[in-house]
Structure formats: C-alpha cells, structure tokens
Amino acid sequence: MLASAGDASIDQKRESDRVGSMERIAVPFFIGDPMPGFQVPEPHRMIDPTLPEGSPQRRMTILYRALADEVARADRPCVYAGDCLATIGVLAGLQRRGLSPTVVWFDAHGDFHTWETTPSGFLGGMPLAMLVGRGEQTIMAGAGATPIDEHLAILVDGRDLDPGEPVDSSELVHVTLDELQELLPGDAPLYVHIDVDVVDPADMPAVNYPSPGGPSLDAVVSSLRSISSTGRVVACSVSSWNPALPGAETAAAATETLVDALA
C-alpha cells in the first residue's frame, strides 16, 4: 500500500526530532504540574495535553497515557521529563509495541517506596516500586502499563536509600556502576532511565535532591556507552535538573552528555 502524503510528513517530522539515532520527546511536568523553564534541546516533540483539576494521580494518568501514545509510535524514544514517574508512560508505550524490556534505572535514590513505607508521602519516591507492581497502581493502570517482574529491574547506584525502603529485601537487582556490565541480561531489550542526580553534585548541580559521594559524569558516561554498545537499547528517559536552581546551565549541558552516550 502506498504511503499517503500525511504519512510522509509524519515520517519527516520524526526524522527531524532525532538526537543521534533516538527521537527526543519532552514532558515538561513535575508530579502532574507544569514545570516552568523546562527546556529541552531542539528538535523535540512536546507532550502537553490538557489536564483536569484533581489529584496528581488523575492528572498523571492522562499525561502518561499521552506519553505512551507517542512512545508507541517512536522508533527509539528519548524522553526528557521533570520526574521519574514519566517512566510509567515510557514503559506503557514500549509494551504496546510488544516489547518486554529490562529496565536499567540509574538513580542516587531507590524510588522504591509505597504508601506503607514512605516517610514523606512523596509520589516521586515511588515510581520504581510502581513499575514492578508494588504499592498504588492507579497511574500504571490508567496509562496502560503492565508491571514487570522485579528481577527485570536493575537499580544502578542507589546510594541514598531511606530507612525502611525495601530494596534489599526485594528481587530488584541493585548494583554499583562497576558491577552493571557483568549483570546485564544477554539478549533482552533495554530501557535505560537516568535520574541525573545519580551523578555526583560536583558534576551535576541544580538537582532537587543532591546526594554527595556519587560517580563522576565521566564514569556514568562510560557506563552508558557500554550499554549502548550492546545494540539493545530501545528507549531512554532522563529526569532532569531543576531549571530554577543555580547551576542549571551546567546541569543541562551535562545531561546532554549523558544522552549522547546512548544515542
């Protein structure tokens, strides 16, 4: 069947939105609210649906359903988001394409809380738990995501865990940067998520929850290049710096260095 002119224009737009071999998508929201000053390098496609009043869960359900739609249409999406909850929309979109990825999660924190374990009640501390079916599943179900098995999620670094955060008692694979390459599965597609606070604050300023003692930017870049060399990265996402904090320009440039390592 011949492609229509409309199909051709969509393909041309997708080609223009690429960074390296990946398609850049922006989700300028933090816990369901717009994030002023959120800037993503051009070219990119913007996820900015009209959101209703109501709970953050209700708003994020609509937001990440829209993100899943875009990810499902993309070749190799690279999603820039204001928080780690956007991973729900990325996973949902990949699953719509018939992919069952191993999730490689770079983060200074565990993001593995549920309502029963969280000391703060912060939804942004729960997304990795949600991806493996723990805790509240409202956003997962609304976005159309199916939980993955815990052993298919790899937490890289996770140096700053809260008391009671059940990482060590789970089947989650928790590794250091140096251990990662040996523990990657041999043939599974890989979805790589990077919370930029995994990088030591000396190299990555302007993050909301800095955690000293992390790996250098160069060390994380080297690890990402090793992952990219497998040829199995089907998507990536980055949870960004805070554009309102000092050092945001430095953080933005460092983030692009991370993304380039996967492209």
C-alpha atoms as a PDB file:
ATOM      1  CA  MET A   1       0.000   0.000   0.000  1.00  0.00           C
ATOM      2  CA  LEU A   2       1.326   3.416  -0.933  1.00  0.00           C
ATOM      3  CA  ALA A   3       2.009   5.854   1.910  1.00  0.00           C
ATOM      4  CA  SER A   4      -0.114   8.979   1.930  1.00  0.00           C
ATOM      5  CA  ALA A   5       1.280  12.485   1.905  1.00  0.00           C
ATOM      6  CA  GLY A   6       0.217  12.745   5.551  1.00  0.00           C
ATOM      7  CA  ASP A   7       2.185   9.616   6.435  1.00  0.00           C
ATOM      8  CA  ALA A   8       5.226  11.028   4.676  1.00  0.00           C
ATOM      9  CA  SER A   9       5.014  14.304   6.578  1.00  0.00           C
ATOM     10  CA  ILE A  10       4.795  12.423   9.897  1.00  0.00           C
ATOM     11  CA  ASP A  11       7.888  10.411   8.970  1.00  0.00           C
ATOM     12  CA  GLN A  12       9.753  13.592   8.038  1.00  0.00           C
ATOM     13  CA  LYS A  13       8.792  15.192  11.374  1.00  0.00           C
ATOM     14  CA  ARG A  14      10.032  12.159  13.279  1.00  0.00           C
ATOM     15  CA  GLU A  15      13.340  12.236  11.431  1.00  0.00           C
ATOM     16  CA  SER A  16      13.786  15.904  12.341  1.00  0.00           C
ATOM     17  CA  ASP A  17      13.191  15.139  16.044  1.00  0.00           C
ATOM     18  CA  ARG A  18      16.100  12.716  16.342  1.00  0.00           C
ATOM     19  CA  VAL A  19      19.127  13.033  18.596  1.00  0.00           C
ATOM     20  CA  GLY A  20      21.642  10.658  17.083  1.00  0.00           C
ATOM     21  CA  SER A  21      19.530   7.576  16.395  1.00  0.00           C
ATOM     22  CA  MET A  22      16.899   8.424  19.039  1.00  0.00           C
ATOM     23  CA  GLU A  23      13.710  10.501  18.906  1.00  0.00           C
ATOM     24  CA  ARG A  24      13.585  13.252  21.526  1.00  0.00           C
ATOM     25  CA  ILE A  25      10.286  13.740  23.440  1.00  0.00           C
ATOM     26  CA  ALA A  26       9.707  16.380  26.148  1.00  0.00           C
ATOM     27  CA  VAL A  27       7.343  16.039  29.121  1.00  0.00           C
ATOM     28  CA  PRO A  28       7.641  19.377  30.986  1.00  0.00           C
ATOM     29  CA  PHE A  29       5.823  18.361  34.180  1.00  0.00           C
ATOM     30  CA  PHE A  30       6.706  17.615  37.805  1.00  0.00           C
ATOM     31  CA  ILE A  31       4.228  15.393  39.690  1.00  0.00           C
ATOM     32  CA  GLY A  32       1.492  16.351  37.221  1.00  0.00           C
ATOM     33  CA  ASP A  33       2.065  20.114  37.317  1.00  0.00           C
ATOM     34  CA  PRO A  34       3.699  22.218  34.578  1.00  0.00           C
ATOM     35  CA  MET A  35       7.401  22.850  35.111  1.00  0.00           C
ATOM     36  CA  PRO A  36       8.293  26.470  34.243  1.00  0.00           C
ATOM     37  CA  GLY A  37      11.595  26.979  32.488  1.00  0.00           C
ATOM     38  CA  PHE A  38      11.886  23.332  31.411  1.00  0.00           C
ATOM     39  CA  GLN A  39      13.989  23.456  28.273  1.00  0.00           C
ATOM     40  CA  VAL A  40      14.840  20.561  26.012  1.00  0.00           C
ATOM     41  CA  PRO A  41      17.196  20.991  23.067  1.00  0.00           C
ATOM     42  CA  GLU A  42      15.581  21.225  19.679  1.00  0.00           C
ATOM     43  CA  PRO A  43      14.366  19.324  17.843  1.00  0.00           C
ATOM     44  CA  HIS A  44      11.842  17.534  20.047  1.00  0.00           C
ATOM     45  CA  ARG A  45       8.166  16.690  20.313  1.00  0.00           C
ATOM     46  CA  MET A  46       6.194  18.061  23.252  1.00  0.00           C
ATOM     47  CA  ILE A  47       3.736  16.135  25.432  1.00  0.00           C
ATOM     48  CA  ASP A  48       1.393  18.822  26.764  1.00  0.00           C
ATOM     49  CA  PRO A  49      -2.207  17.574  26.978  1.00  0.00           C
ATOM     50  CA  THR A  50      -4.983  19.500  28.676  1.00  0.00           C
ATOM     51  CA  LEU A  51      -5.090  18.158  32.222  1.00  0.00           C
ATOM     52  CA  PRO A  52      -8.108  18.217  34.543  1.00  0.00           C
ATOM     53  CA  GLU A  53      -8.299  19.561  38.044  1.00  0.00           C
ATOM     54  CA  GLY A  54      -7.975  16.912  40.681  1.00  0.00           C
ATOM     55  CA  SER A  55      -5.405  14.637  42.247  1.00  0.00           C
ATOM     56  CA  PRO A  56      -1.871  14.264  40.885  1.00  0.00           C
ATOM     57  CA  GLN A  57      -2.705  10.649  40.078  1.00  0.00           C
ATOM     58  CA  ARG A  58      -5.634  11.694  37.887  1.00  0.00           C
ATOM     59  CA  ARG A  59      -3.535  14.266  36.062  1.00  0.00           C
ATOM     60  CA  MET A  60      -0.578  11.950  35.570  1.00  0.00           C
ATOM     61  CA  THR A  61      -2.813   9.185  34.252  1.00  0.00           C
ATOM     62  CA  ILE A  62      -3.816  11.437  31.357  1.00  0.00           C
ATOM     63  CA  LEU A  63      -0.310  12.832  30.927  1.00  0.00           C
ATOM     64  CA  TYR A  64       1.386   9.451  30.760  1.00  0.00           C
ATOM     65  CA  ARG A  65      -1.294   7.937  28.568  1.00  0.00           C
ATOM     66  CA  ALA A  66      -0.443  10.682  26.063  1.00  0.00           C
ATOM     67  CA  LEU A  67       3.255   9.937  26.510  1.00  0.00           C
ATOM     68  CA  ALA A  68       2.613   6.225  25.948  1.00  0.00           C
ATOM     69  CA  ASP A  69       0.848   7.059  22.674  1.00  0.00           C
ATOM     70  CA  GLU A  70       3.928   8.921  21.460  1.00  0.00           C
ATOM     71  CA  VAL A  71       6.426   6.332  22.672  1.00  0.00           C
ATOM     72  CA  ALA A  72       4.459   3.570  20.946  1.00  0.00           C
ATOM     73  CA  ARG A  73       4.845   5.425  17.646  1.00  0.00           C
ATOM     74  CA  ALA A  74       8.517   6.288  18.095  1.00  0.00           C
ATOM     75  CA  ASP A  75      11.452   4.270  16.844  1.00  0.00           C
ATOM     76  CA  ARG A  76      13.909   4.732  19.739  1.00  0.00           C
ATOM     77  CA  PRO A  77      12.408   7.362  22.058  1.00  0.00           C
ATOM     78  CA  CYS A  78      14.479   9.509  24.395  1.00  0.00           C
ATOM     79  CA  VAL A  79      12.139  11.154  26.902  1.00  0.00           C
ATOM     80  CA  TYR A  80      13.064  14.240  28.921  1.00  0.00           C
ATOM     81  CA  ALA A  81      10.833  14.607  31.989  1.00  0.00           C
ATOM     82  CA  GLY A  82      10.601  16.584  35.198  1.00  0.00           C
ATOM     83  CA  ASP A  83      10.331  13.493  37.405  1.00  0.00           C
ATOM     84  CA  CYS A  84      10.847   9.740  37.364  1.00  0.00           C
ATOM     85  CA  LEU A  85       7.122   8.938  37.247  1.00  0.00           C
ATOM     86  CA  ALA A  86       7.245   9.534  33.490  1.00  0.00           C
ATOM     87  CA  THR A  87       8.850   6.098  33.235  1.00  0.00           C
ATOM     88  CA  ILE A  88       5.326   4.701  33.570  1.00  0.00           C
ATOM     89  CA  GLY A  89       4.323   6.250  30.250  1.00  0.00           C
ATOM     90  CA  VAL A  90       7.520   5.076  28.580  1.00  0.00           C
ATOM     91  CA  LEU A  91       7.027   1.501  29.767  1.00  0.00           C
ATOM     92  CA  ALA A  92       3.381   1.531  28.660  1.00  0.00           C
ATOM     93  CA  GLY A  93       4.362   2.723  25.187  1.00  0.00           C
ATOM     94  CA  LEU A  94       7.072   0.089  24.809  1.00  0.00           C
ATOM     95  CA  GLN A  95       4.681  -2.645  25.915  1.00  0.00           C
ATOM     96  CA  ARG A  96       2.168  -1.530  23.300  1.00  0.00           C
ATOM     97  CA  ARG A  97       4.863  -2.237  20.735  1.00  0.00           C
ATOM     98  CA  GLY A  98       5.172  -5.766  22.063  1.00  0.00           C
ATOM     99  CA  LEU A  99       8.448  -5.151  23.907  1.00  0.00           C
ATOM    100  CA  SER A 100       9.233  -6.614  27.334  1.00  0.00           C
ATOM    101  CA  PRO A 101      12.306  -4.650  28.366  1.00  0.00           C
ATOM    102  CA  THR A 102      14.690  -4.966  31.233  1.00  0.00           C
ATOM    103  CA  VAL A 103      14.652  -1.586  32.983  1.00  0.00           C
ATOM    104  CA  VAL A 104      18.096  -0.205  33.840  1.00  0.00           C
ATOM    105  CA  TRP A 105      17.486   2.563  36.391  1.00  0.00           C
ATOM    106  CA  PHE A 106      20.334   4.984  37.184  1.00  0.00           C
ATOM    107  CA  ASP A 107      19.499   6.956  40.340  1.00  0.00           C
ATOM    108  CA  ALA A 108      21.072   8.181  43.559  1.00  0.00           C
ATOM    109  CA  HIS A 109      17.840   7.121  45.284  1.00  0.00           C
ATOM    110  CA  GLY A 110      15.776   3.956  45.316  1.00  0.00           C
ATOM    111  CA  ASP A 111      12.378   5.355  44.262  1.00  0.00           C
ATOM    112  CA  PHE A 112      11.100   2.109  45.766  1.00  0.00           C
ATOM    113  CA  HIS A 113       8.638   3.309  48.375  1.00  0.00           C
ATOM    114  CA  THR A 114       4.943   2.542  48.732  1.00  0.00           C
ATOM    115  CA  TRP A 115       2.391   4.364  50.865  1.00  0.00           C
ATOM    116  CA  GLU A 116       3.198   1.885  53.637  1.00  0.00           C
ATOM    117  CA  THR A 117       6.944   2.634  53.682  1.00  0.00           C
ATOM    118  CA  THR A 118       7.317   6.273  52.626  1.00  0.00           C
ATOM    119  CA  PRO A 119       8.431   8.708  55.339  1.00  0.00           C
ATOM    120  CA  SER A 120       7.363  11.725  53.270  1.00  0.00           C
ATOM    121  CA  GLY A 121       4.334  10.740  51.190  1.00  0.00           C
ATOM    122  CA  PHE A 122       6.177  11.931  48.077  1.00  0.00           C
ATOM    123  CA  LEU A 123       4.913  10.239  44.904  1.00  0.00           C
ATOM    124  CA  GLY A 124       8.260  10.899  43.237  1.00  0.00           C
ATOM    125  CA  GLY A 125       9.811   8.371  45.616  1.00  0.00           C
ATOM    126  CA  MET A 126       7.593   5.532  44.368  1.00  0.00           C
ATOM    127  CA  PRO A 127       7.904   5.009  40.582  1.00  0.00           C
ATOM    128  CA  LEU A 128      10.317   2.068  40.514  1.00  0.00           C
ATOM    129  CA  ALA A 129       8.107   0.266  43.028  1.00  0.00           C
ATOM    130  CA  MET A 130       5.099   1.004  40.823  1.00  0.00           C
ATOM    131  CA  LEU A 131       6.829  -0.422  37.737  1.00  0.00           C
ATOM    132  CA  VAL A 132       7.252  -3.782  39.467  1.00  0.00           C
ATOM    133  CA  GLY A 133       3.681  -3.858  40.775  1.00  0.00           C
ATOM    134  CA  ARG A 134       4.218  -2.655  44.327  1.00  0.00           C
ATOM    135  CA  GLY A 135       2.045  -0.065  46.012  1.00  0.00           C
ATOM    136  CA  GLU A 136      -0.557   2.078  44.324  1.00  0.00           C
ATOM    137  CA  GLN A 137      -1.187   1.104  40.693  1.00  0.00           C
ATOM    138  CA  THR A 138      -3.586   3.904  39.698  1.00  0.00           C
ATOM    139  CA  ILE A 139      -1.217   5.617  37.271  1.00  0.00           C
ATOM    140  CA  MET A 140       0.138   2.339  35.897  1.00  0.00           C
ATOM    141  CA  ALA A 141      -3.343   1.039  35.100  1.00  0.00           C
ATOM    142  CA  GLY A 142      -4.511   4.358  33.698  1.00  0.00           C
ATOM    143  CA  ALA A 143      -1.525   4.641  31.369  1.00  0.00           C
ATOM    144  CA  GLY A 144      -1.937   1.047  30.241  1.00  0.00           C
ATOM    145  CA  ALA A 145       1.299  -0.272  31.763  1.00  0.00           C
ATOM    146  CA  THR A 146       1.703  -3.837  32.997  1.00  0.00           C
ATOM    147  CA  PRO A 147       4.076  -4.355  35.949  1.00  0.00           C
ATOM    148  CA  ILE A 148       7.346  -6.101  35.164  1.00  0.00           C
ATOM    149  CA  ASP A 149       8.970  -8.818  37.254  1.00  0.00           C
ATOM    150  CA  GLU A 150      11.261  -7.421  39.932  1.00  0.00           C
ATOM    151  CA  HIS A 151      14.318  -9.253  38.621  1.00  0.00           C
ATOM    152  CA  LEU A 152      13.887  -7.383  35.314  1.00  0.00           C
ATOM    153  CA  ALA A 153      14.614  -4.062  37.036  1.00  0.00           C
ATOM    154  CA  ILE A 154      18.227  -3.065  37.725  1.00  0.00           C
ATOM    155  CA  LEU A 155      18.863  -0.202  40.149  1.00  0.00           C
ATOM    156  CA  VAL A 156      22.267   1.302  39.410  1.00  0.00           C
ATOM    157  CA  ASP A 157      23.982   3.155  42.275  1.00  0.00           C
ATOM    158  CA  GLY A 158      21.039   3.848  44.619  1.00  0.00           C
ATOM    159  CA  ARG A 159      23.481   5.139  47.221  1.00  0.00           C
ATOM    160  CA  ASP A 160      20.934   7.150  49.196  1.00  0.00           C
ATOM    161  CA  LEU A 161      18.166   4.816  50.357  1.00  0.00           C
ATOM    162  CA  ASP A 162      15.677   5.743  53.064  1.00  0.00           C
ATOM    163  CA  PRO A 163      15.322   3.653  56.218  1.00  0.00           C
ATOM    164  CA  GLY A 164      12.608   1.107  55.545  1.00  0.00           C
ATOM    165  CA  GLU A 165      12.891   1.341  51.754  1.00  0.00           C
ATOM    166  CA  PRO A 166      12.672  -2.354  50.857  1.00  0.00           C
ATOM    167  CA  VAL A 167      15.279  -2.582  48.084  1.00  0.00           C
ATOM    168  CA  ASP A 168      17.474  -5.208  49.733  1.00  0.00           C
ATOM    169  CA  SER A 169      14.538  -7.456  50.666  1.00  0.00           C
ATOM    170  CA  SER A 170      13.166  -7.406  47.106  1.00  0.00           C
ATOM    171  CA  GLU A 171      14.192  -9.270  43.956  1.00  0.00           C
ATOM    172  CA  LEU A 172      15.322  -5.987  42.434  1.00  0.00           C
ATOM    173  CA  VAL A 173      18.876  -6.178  41.075  1.00  0.00           C
ATOM    174  CA  HIS A 174      20.854  -3.491  42.936  1.00  0.00           C
ATOM    175  CA  VAL A 175      24.354  -2.886  41.574  1.00  0.00           C
ATOM    176  CA  THR A 176      27.166  -0.393  41.557  1.00  0.00           C
ATOM    177  CA  LEU A 177      28.262   1.242  38.345  1.00  0.00           C
ATOM    178  CA  ASP A 178      31.237  -1.120  38.102  1.00  0.00           C
ATOM    179  CA  GLU A 179      29.074  -4.227  38.542  1.00  0.00           C
ATOM    180  CA  LEU A 180      26.465  -3.336  35.944  1.00  0.00           C
ATOM    181  CA  GLN A 181      28.071  -4.638  32.763  1.00  0.00           C
ATOM    182  CA  GLU A 182      28.509  -8.159  34.135  1.00  0.00           C
ATOM    183  CA  LEU A 183      24.880  -8.358  35.250  1.00  0.00           C
ATOM    184  CA  LEU A 184      23.109  -7.116  32.115  1.00  0.00           C
ATOM    185  CA  PRO A 185      20.894  -9.839  30.624  1.00  0.00           C
ATOM    186  CA  GLY A 186      22.305 -11.312  27.458  1.00  0.00           C
ATOM    187  CA  ASP A 187      19.546 -10.745  24.940  1.00  0.00           C
ATOM    188  CA  ALA A 188      16.700  -8.652  26.400  1.00  0.00           C
ATOM    189  CA  PRO A 189      15.756  -5.222  25.055  1.00  0.00           C
ATOM    190  CA  LEU A 190      16.910  -2.494  27.432  1.00  0.00           C
ATOM    191  CA  TYR A 191      15.054   0.581  28.619  1.00  0.00           C
ATOM    192  CA  VAL A 192      17.542   2.924  30.306  1.00  0.00           C
ATOM    193  CA  HIS A 193      16.257   5.537  32.748  1.00  0.00           C
ATOM    194  CA  ILE A 194      18.610   8.165  34.171  1.00  0.00           C
ATOM    195  CA  ASP A 195      17.752  10.358  37.107  1.00  0.00           C
ATOM    196  CA  VAL A 196      20.550  12.864  36.638  1.00  0.00           C
ATOM    197  CA  ASP A 197      21.130  13.026  40.400  1.00  0.00           C
ATOM    198  CA  VAL A 198      22.963   9.712  40.022  1.00  0.00           C
ATOM    199  CA  VAL A 199      25.937  11.877  39.025  1.00  0.00           C
ATOM    200  CA  ASP A 200      27.865  13.463  41.879  1.00  0.00           C
ATOM    201  CA  PRO A 201      26.638  17.023  42.565  1.00  0.00           C
ATOM    202  CA  ALA A 202      30.107  18.358  41.741  1.00  0.00           C
ATOM    203  CA  ASP A 203      29.401  17.474  38.095  1.00  0.00           C
ATOM    204  CA  MET A 204      25.588  17.723  38.153  1.00  0.00           C
ATOM    205  CA  PRO A 205      24.349  20.766  40.086  1.00  0.00           C
ATOM    206  CA  ALA A 206      20.773  22.064  40.213  1.00  0.00           C
ATOM    207  CA  VAL A 207      19.072  18.816  41.213  1.00  0.00           C
ATOM    208  CA  ASN A 208      16.247  18.786  43.756  1.00  0.00           C
ATOM    209  CA  TYR A 209      17.706  16.046  45.946  1.00  0.00           C
ATOM    210  CA  PRO A 210      21.522  16.128  45.704  1.00  0.00           C
ATOM    211  CA  SER A 211      23.397  13.198  47.183  1.00  0.00           C
ATOM    212  CA  PRO A 212      27.178  13.619  47.549  1.00  0.00           C
ATOM    213  CA  GLY A 213      29.545  10.730  47.018  1.00  0.00           C
ATOM    214  CA  GLY A 214      28.268   9.627  43.630  1.00  0.00           C
ATOM    215  CA  PRO A 215      30.100   8.659  40.452  1.00  0.00           C
ATOM    216  CA  SER A 216      31.569  11.336  38.228  1.00  0.00           C
ATOM    217  CA  LEU A 217      29.932  12.411  34.997  1.00  0.00           C
ATOM    218  CA  ASP A 218      32.707  10.669  33.056  1.00  0.00           C
ATOM    219  CA  ALA A 219      32.120   7.409  34.919  1.00  0.00           C
ATOM    220  CA  VAL A 220      28.381   7.410  34.185  1.00  0.00           C
ATOM    221  CA  VAL A 221      29.023   8.311  30.541  1.00  0.00           C
ATOM    222  CA  SER A 222      31.420   5.378  30.234  1.00  0.00           C
ATOM    223  CA  SER A 223      28.805   3.017  31.673  1.00  0.00           C
ATOM    224  CA  LEU A 224      26.126   4.309  29.307  1.00  0.00           C
ATOM    225  CA  ARG A 225      28.421   3.857  26.318  1.00  0.00           C
ATOM    226  CA  SER A 226      28.977   0.250  27.322  1.00  0.00           C
ATOM    227  CA  ILE A 227      25.228  -0.300  27.478  1.00  0.00           C
ATOM    228  CA  SER A 228      24.737   1.409  24.125  1.00  0.00           C
ATOM    229  CA  SER A 229      27.364  -0.831  22.546  1.00  0.00           C
ATOM    230  CA  THR A 230      25.107  -3.850  23.136  1.00  0.00           C
ATOM    231  CA  GLY A 231      22.777  -2.537  20.427  1.00  0.00           C
ATOM    232  CA  ARG A 232      19.784  -3.443  22.596  1.00  0.00           C
ATOM    233  CA  VAL A 233      18.712  -0.042  23.960  1.00  0.00           C
ATOM    234  CA  VAL A 234      15.130   0.501  22.770  1.00  0.00           C
ATOM    235  CA  ALA A 235      14.393   3.656  24.788  1.00  0.00           C
ATOM    236  CA  CYS A 236      15.855   6.044  27.310  1.00  0.00           C
ATOM    237  CA  SER A 237      14.490   8.679  29.639  1.00  0.00           C
ATOM    238  CA  VAL A 238      16.078  11.354  31.788  1.00  0.00           C
ATOM    239  CA  SER A 239      14.640  13.034  34.862  1.00  0.00           C
ATOM    240  CA  SER A 240      16.024  16.490  34.701  1.00  0.00           C
ATOM    241  CA  TRP A 241      17.695  19.125  36.780  1.00  0.00           C
ATOM    242  CA  ASN A 242      15.634  21.952  38.271  1.00  0.00           C
ATOM    243  CA  PRO A 243      15.864  24.980  35.944  1.00  0.00           C
ATOM    244  CA  ALA A 244      15.143  27.319  38.880  1.00  0.00           C
ATOM    245  CA  LEU A 245      18.268  26.292  40.823  1.00  0.00           C
ATOM    246  CA  PRO A 246      21.814  27.663  40.497  1.00  0.00           C
ATOM    247  CA  GLY A 247      23.943  25.738  38.035  1.00  0.00           C
ATOM    248  CA  ALA A 248      21.045  24.808  35.746  1.00  0.00           C
ATOM    249  CA  GLU A 249      23.004  25.593  32.583  1.00  0.00           C
ATOM    250  CA  THR A 250      25.845  23.338  33.689  1.00  0.00           C
ATOM    251  CA  ALA A 251      23.357  20.587  34.525  1.00  0.00           C
ATOM    252  CA  ALA A 252      21.646  20.933  31.147  1.00  0.00           C
ATOM    253  CA  ALA A 253      24.953  20.524  29.328  1.00  0.00           C
ATOM    254  CA  ALA A 254      25.906  17.541  31.488  1.00  0.00           C
ATOM    255  CA  THR A 255      22.552  15.914  30.760  1.00  0.00           C
ATOM    256  CA  GLU A 256      23.157  16.187  27.026  1.00  0.00           C
ATOM    257  CA  THR A 257      26.494  14.469  27.550  1.00  0.00           C
ATOM    258  CA  LEU A 258      24.645  11.575  29.197  1.00  0.00           C
ATOM    259  CA  VAL A 259      22.076  11.335  26.411  1.00  0.00           C
ATOM    260  CA  ASP A 260      24.753  11.492  23.728  1.00  0.00           C
ATOM    261  CA  ALA A 261      26.409   8.453  25.293  1.00  0.00           C
ATOM    262  CA  LEU A 262      23.299   6.387  24.493  1.00  0.00           C
ATOM    263  CA  ALA A 263      22.459   7.872  21.090  1.00  0.00           C
END
